[in-house]
């Protein structure tokens, strides 16, 4: 089943910027908290950022604070992740997800997933 669809990932040089998008094609997650996660081969998904259902409250992993900004356009059923000052360690498969809650800082609460978009940051 198609739940969420990410786009925007590409190869970028360190220090560059990207904006990732996450579409909700079935338009069913407007009341759900949304988040971004990063995964590299051989490791579990790592929490990156989350935003509440109305887009007001946000939470970030310490590693991305001050560099990444999560936002959502509820009218367009789209989630965004603006990524600035990218570092090689940001490289990974970025997936968006919806929580069963209206706001959720617990990565385990995100249960509806996209398939991810690859971000590769070169040194």
Protein backbone atom coordinates (compact mmCIF):
# COMPACT_ATOMS: atom_id res chain seq x y z
CA UNK A 1 0.00 0.00 0.00
CA UNK A 2 1.19 3.53 -0.82
CA UNK A 3 1.00 5.53 2.40
CA UNK A 4 3.61 8.31 2.02
CA UNK A 5 5.89 9.25 -0.88
CA UNK A 6 9.20 11.06 -0.38
CA UNK A 7 11.09 13.07 -2.98
CA UNK A 8 13.96 15.55 -3.28
CA UNK A 9 16.94 13.44 -2.29
CA UNK A 10 20.10 13.68 -4.37
CA UNK A 11 23.87 13.92 -4.27
CA UNK A 12 25.02 17.20 -2.74
CA UNK A 13 28.35 18.59 -1.59
CA UNK A 14 29.07 19.21 2.07
CA UNK A 15 27.78 22.61 3.11
CA UNK A 16 24.98 22.52 0.56
CA UNK A 17 21.22 22.44 1.02
CA UNK A 18 18.30 20.24 0.06
CA UNK A 19 14.57 20.33 0.61
CA UNK A 20 12.85 16.99 0.95
CA UNK A 21 9.13 16.58 0.40
CA UNK A 22 6.74 13.94 1.63
CA UNK A 23 3.36 13.58 -0.04
CA UNK A 24 0.32 12.06 1.59
CA UNK A 25 -1.45 10.85 -1.56
CA UNK A 26 -4.47 9.43 0.20
CA UNK A 27 -4.91 12.61 2.27
CA UNK A 28 -5.44 10.77 5.52
CA UNK A 29 -2.75 12.09 7.89
CA UNK A 30 -3.76 15.71 8.47
CA UNK A 31 -4.47 15.00 12.15
CA UNK A 32 -1.28 12.99 12.70
CA UNK A 33 2.14 14.07 13.86
CA UNK A 34 4.69 13.64 11.08
CA UNK A 35 8.38 12.93 11.24
CA UNK A 36 11.57 12.38 9.28
CA UNK A 37 13.98 9.52 9.91
CA UNK A 38 17.37 8.59 8.50
CA UNK A 39 18.70 5.10 7.96
CA UNK A 40 22.03 3.73 6.75
CA UNK A 41 22.78 0.11 5.83
CA UNK A 42 23.14 -2.16 8.83
CA UNK A 43 21.60 0.27 11.29
CA UNK A 44 18.16 1.05 12.65
CA UNK A 45 16.29 4.16 11.65
CA UNK A 46 17.39 7.32 13.44
CA UNK A 47 14.97 10.04 14.43
CA UNK A 48 15.61 13.38 12.71
CA UNK A 49 12.64 15.69 13.25
CA UNK A 50 8.93 15.76 14.03
CA UNK A 51 6.08 18.24 13.72
CA UNK A 52 2.63 18.33 15.28
CA UNK A 53 -0.57 17.92 13.32
CA UNK A 54 -1.08 21.68 12.90
CA UNK A 55 2.57 22.35 12.14
CA UNK A 56 3.19 24.48 15.24
CA UNK A 57 5.25 22.29 17.58
CA UNK A 58 8.52 20.82 16.34
CA UNK A 59 11.23 18.58 17.75
CA UNK A 60 14.70 17.84 16.38
CA UNK A 61 17.52 15.46 16.99
CA UNK A 62 20.47 17.25 18.56
CA UNK A 63 22.62 16.47 15.55
CA UNK A 64 20.44 18.55 13.21
CA UNK A 65 19.32 21.44 15.42
CA UNK A 66 20.06 24.76 13.79
CA UNK A 67 20.57 23.13 10.39
CA UNK A 68 17.30 21.37 9.53
CA UNK A 69 13.75 22.71 9.60
CA UNK A 70 10.65 20.56 9.48
CA UNK A 71 7.35 22.02 8.28
CA UNK A 72 4.07 20.97 6.75
CA UNK A 73 1.48 22.42 4.43
CA UNK A 74 -1.78 20.92 5.58
CA UNK A 75 -3.71 22.29 2.60
CA UNK A 76 -1.37 20.42 0.25
CA UNK A 77 -1.02 17.34 2.47
CA UNK A 78 2.74 17.70 2.20
CA UNK A 79 5.58 17.48 4.74
CA UNK A 80 8.95 19.16 4.18
CA UNK A 81 12.46 18.95 5.55
CA UNK A 82 14.74 21.87 4.74
CA UNK A 83 18.31 20.69 5.17
CA UNK A 84 21.09 23.29 5.33
CA UNK A 85 24.82 23.06 6.03
CA UNK A 86 24.79 19.40 5.10
CA UNK A 87 27.52 17.12 6.40
CA UNK A 88 28.74 13.76 5.09
CA UNK A 89 27.32 12.12 8.21
CA UNK A 90 23.84 13.25 7.11
CA UNK A 91 24.04 10.71 4.29
CA UNK A 92 21.30 8.11 4.35
CA UNK A 93 17.86 7.06 3.26
CA UNK A 94 15.42 9.66 4.55
CA UNK A 95 11.93 8.38 5.21
CA UNK A 96 8.88 10.27 6.34
CA UNK A 97 6.35 8.77 8.68
CA UNK A 98 3.06 9.51 10.37
CA UNK A 99 2.38 8.87 14.02
CA UNK A 100 -0.82 7.52 15.43
CA UNK A 101 -0.74 10.57 17.76
CA UNK A 102 -1.32 14.29 17.09
CA UNK A 103 2.17 14.99 18.45
CA UNK A 104 4.83 12.39 19.10
CA UNK A 105 8.46 12.67 20.20
CA UNK A 106 8.77 8.89 20.50
CA UNK A 107 10.17 7.31 17.32
CA UNK A 108 8.34 4.10 18.14
CA UNK A 109 5.03 5.92 17.72
CA UNK A 110 5.54 6.45 13.99
CA UNK A 111 3.89 3.55 12.24
CA UNK A 112 2.90 4.74 8.74
CA UNK A 113 5.91 4.94 6.44
CA UNK A 114 7.14 6.01 3.04
CA UNK A 115 9.84 4.13 1.15
CA UNK A 116 12.44 6.85 1.47
CA UNK A 117 14.56 9.16 -0.66
CA UNK A 118 18.34 8.87 -0.77
CA UNK A 119 20.49 11.78 0.38
CA UNK A 120 24.22 11.53 -0.25
CA UNK A 121 26.52 14.26 1.01
CA UNK A 122 30.00 14.23 -0.47
CA UNK A 123 33.06 15.57 1.31
